[in-house]
């Protein structure tokens, strides 16, 4: 259920259940905008809707995905909107190597990443054993973890082939 467009960008086609969930994310954005006395615009909502269909997107990738249908949305507007999405908890800014990516965290919850240093592929994973070990290490040091990011760098199966 995905559509591959140019430059390695994949858009996911959302089933009806996910479209309803998207309405929840739009409501979260609208509430955040209202709380900060900012305007709700069709551009911001279009950026959010496109963002929610993508994985680990850069602002430039989002710009190119939107440019085909909405060429009037500028890169600066995309950056500002991505910052708003981070502020209201719908996105998380991640720095993988030299590029800043934005991760959709609204429906995923916590997960970690493996990043291929050769082709740039990003693989998400969850591992309960790793989570438990982190908690154990924190307890040993009387440390309270509030959040964490685990990034493993190396080569994917295609590149180390």
Protein backbone atom coordinates (compact mmCIF):
# COMPACT_ATOMS: atom_id res chain seq x y z
CA UNK A 1 0.00 0.00 0.00
CA UNK A 2 2.66 2.49 -0.94
CA UNK A 3 3.43 4.64 -3.93
CA UNK A 4 7.04 5.24 -4.91
CA UNK A 5 7.68 8.67 -6.36
CA UNK A 6 11.03 10.24 -7.24
CA UNK A 7 14.33 10.47 -5.33
CA UNK A 8 13.71 7.46 -3.09
CA UNK A 9 10.56 8.96 -1.57
CA UNK A 10 7.71 6.60 -0.76
CA UNK A 11 4.19 7.74 0.09
CA UNK A 12 1.98 5.34 1.99
CA UNK A 13 -1.68 4.98 0.95
CA UNK A 14 -3.69 5.14 4.14
CA UNK A 15 -6.63 2.79 4.76
CA UNK A 16 -9.87 4.27 6.10
CA UNK A 17 -8.94 3.48 9.73
CA UNK A 18 -5.72 5.48 9.38
CA UNK A 19 -7.56 8.35 7.66
CA UNK A 20 -9.70 8.66 10.78
CA UNK A 21 -6.55 8.65 12.90
CA UNK A 22 -5.20 11.42 10.65
CA UNK A 23 -8.18 13.55 11.67
CA UNK A 24 -6.93 13.16 15.25
CA UNK A 25 -3.50 14.50 14.28
CA UNK A 26 -5.11 17.41 12.43
CA UNK A 27 -7.10 18.17 15.60
CA UNK A 28 -3.87 18.10 17.67
CA UNK A 29 -2.24 20.55 15.27
CA UNK A 30 -5.29 22.84 15.26
CA UNK A 31 -5.37 22.86 19.08
CA UNK A 32 -1.67 23.68 19.24
CA UNK A 33 -2.11 26.52 16.76
CA UNK A 34 -5.07 27.90 18.72
CA UNK A 35 -3.14 27.69 22.00
CA UNK A 36 -0.34 29.75 20.44
CA UNK A 37 -2.68 32.14 18.61
CA UNK A 38 -1.48 30.96 15.20
CA UNK A 39 -3.66 30.59 12.13
CA UNK A 40 -4.90 27.26 10.82
CA UNK A 41 -4.00 27.23 7.14
CA UNK A 42 -4.64 24.76 4.36
CA UNK A 43 -0.88 24.73 3.70
CA UNK A 44 -0.10 23.57 7.24
CA UNK A 45 -2.75 20.88 7.05
CA UNK A 46 -1.51 19.71 3.62
CA UNK A 47 2.05 19.51 4.95
CA UNK A 48 0.84 17.47 7.95
CA UNK A 49 -1.20 15.10 5.78
CA UNK A 50 1.73 14.49 3.42
CA UNK A 51 4.18 14.14 6.33
CA UNK A 52 2.00 11.47 7.97
CA UNK A 53 2.22 9.37 4.79
CA UNK A 54 6.03 9.42 4.74
CA UNK A 55 8.81 7.79 6.75
CA UNK A 56 11.91 9.58 8.10
CA UNK A 57 11.49 12.51 5.78
CA UNK A 58 13.75 15.51 5.32
CA UNK A 59 12.23 18.93 4.74
CA UNK A 60 13.56 18.82 1.18
CA UNK A 61 11.92 15.42 0.49
CA UNK A 62 8.64 16.74 1.83
CA UNK A 63 9.02 19.84 -0.35
CA UNK A 64 9.54 17.68 -3.47
CA UNK A 65 6.59 15.44 -2.60
CA UNK A 66 4.33 18.49 -2.21
CA UNK A 67 5.71 20.38 -5.23
CA UNK A 68 3.97 18.07 -7.70
CA UNK A 69 0.51 19.02 -6.43
CA UNK A 70 1.04 22.18 -4.40
CA UNK A 71 3.96 24.11 -5.95
CA UNK A 72 3.03 27.26 -4.01
CA UNK A 73 4.18 25.78 -0.68
CA UNK A 74 7.71 27.02 -0.02
CA UNK A 75 10.54 25.28 1.78
CA UNK A 76 10.50 27.89 4.57
CA UNK A 77 6.81 27.12 5.24
CA UNK A 78 7.65 23.41 5.40
CA UNK A 79 10.46 24.01 7.93
CA UNK A 80 8.20 26.19 10.10
CA UNK A 81 5.39 23.61 9.96
CA UNK A 82 7.76 20.75 10.81
CA UNK A 83 8.88 22.74 13.86
CA UNK A 84 5.21 23.14 14.86
CA UNK A 85 4.68 19.38 14.43
CA UNK A 86 7.63 18.76 16.76
CA UNK A 87 6.28 21.24 19.32
CA UNK A 88 2.87 19.57 19.45
CA UNK A 89 4.27 16.02 19.68
CA UNK A 90 3.39 14.75 16.20
CA UNK A 91 6.98 14.67 14.93
CA UNK A 92 10.46 14.26 16.27
CA UNK A 93 13.53 15.86 14.74
CA UNK A 94 16.35 13.34 14.28
CA UNK A 95 19.87 13.96 13.02
CA UNK A 96 21.05 10.90 11.14
CA UNK A 97 24.56 11.66 9.96
CA UNK A 98 24.60 14.96 8.13
CA UNK A 99 20.87 15.31 7.39
CA UNK A 100 17.99 16.24 9.65
CA UNK A 101 15.04 13.89 9.33
CA UNK A 102 11.58 14.21 10.84
CA UNK A 103 10.01 11.08 12.25
CA UNK A 104 6.25 10.59 12.59
CA UNK A 105 5.85 9.59 16.24
CA UNK A 106 2.13 10.17 16.60
CA UNK A 107 1.14 6.52 16.05
CA UNK A 108 4.40 4.62 16.43
CA UNK A 109 5.43 5.19 20.00
CA UNK A 110 9.04 4.63 20.99
CA UNK A 111 11.35 2.88 18.55
CA UNK A 112 15.04 2.91 17.71
CA UNK A 113 16.95 3.13 14.44
CA UNK A 114 19.67 1.43 12.41
CA UNK A 115 21.16 3.73 9.77
CA UNK A 116 23.15 2.47 6.79
CA UNK A 117 26.22 4.67 6.34
CA UNK A 118 26.54 3.65 2.69
CA UNK A 119 23.04 4.07 1.19
CA UNK A 120 21.25 5.98 3.97
CA UNK A 121 18.53 3.38 4.59
CA UNK A 122 16.88 3.82 7.98
CA UNK A 123 15.51 0.71 9.67
CA UNK A 124 13.19 1.09 12.67
CA UNK A 125 13.17 -1.54 15.38
CA UNK A 126 11.90 -2.25 18.86
CA UNK A 127 13.65 -4.56 21.29
CA UNK A 128 12.38 -5.20 24.82
CA UNK A 129 15.73 -6.65 25.94
CA UNK A 130 17.55 -3.43 25.00
CA UNK A 131 14.92 -1.36 26.81
CA UNK A 132 15.28 -3.50 29.96
CA UNK A 133 19.09 -3.27 29.86
CA UNK A 134 18.90 0.54 29.62
CA UNK A 135 16.62 0.63 32.65
CA UNK A 136 18.97 -1.69 34.56
CA UNK A 137 21.99 0.50 33.78
CA UNK A 138 20.03 3.59 34.84
CA UNK A 139 19.05 1.93 38.16
CA UNK A 140 22.68 0.96 38.81
CA UNK A 141 23.62 4.62 38.49
CA UNK A 142 20.55 5.96 40.33
CA UNK A 143 19.53 7.70 37.11
CA UNK A 144 15.96 8.38 35.96
CA UNK A 145 15.55 8.13 32.17
CA UNK A 146 12.96 10.51 30.74
CA UNK A 147 13.63 9.76 27.07
CA UNK A 148 16.33 8.27 24.90
CA UNK A 149 17.40 7.78 21.30
CA UNK A 150 19.29 4.71 20.16
CA UNK A 151 20.93 4.91 16.75
CA UNK A 152 23.08 2.12 15.36
CA UNK A 153 25.27 2.95 12.36
CA UNK A 154 26.68 0.39 9.94
CA UNK A 155 25.78 -1.21 6.63
CA UNK A 156 22.45 -2.76 5.65
CA UNK A 157 22.23 -6.25 4.17
CA UNK A 158 22.22 -4.87 0.62
CA UNK A 159 25.36 -2.76 1.09
CA UNK A 160 27.54 -5.21 3.01
CA UNK A 161 26.40 -8.02 0.66
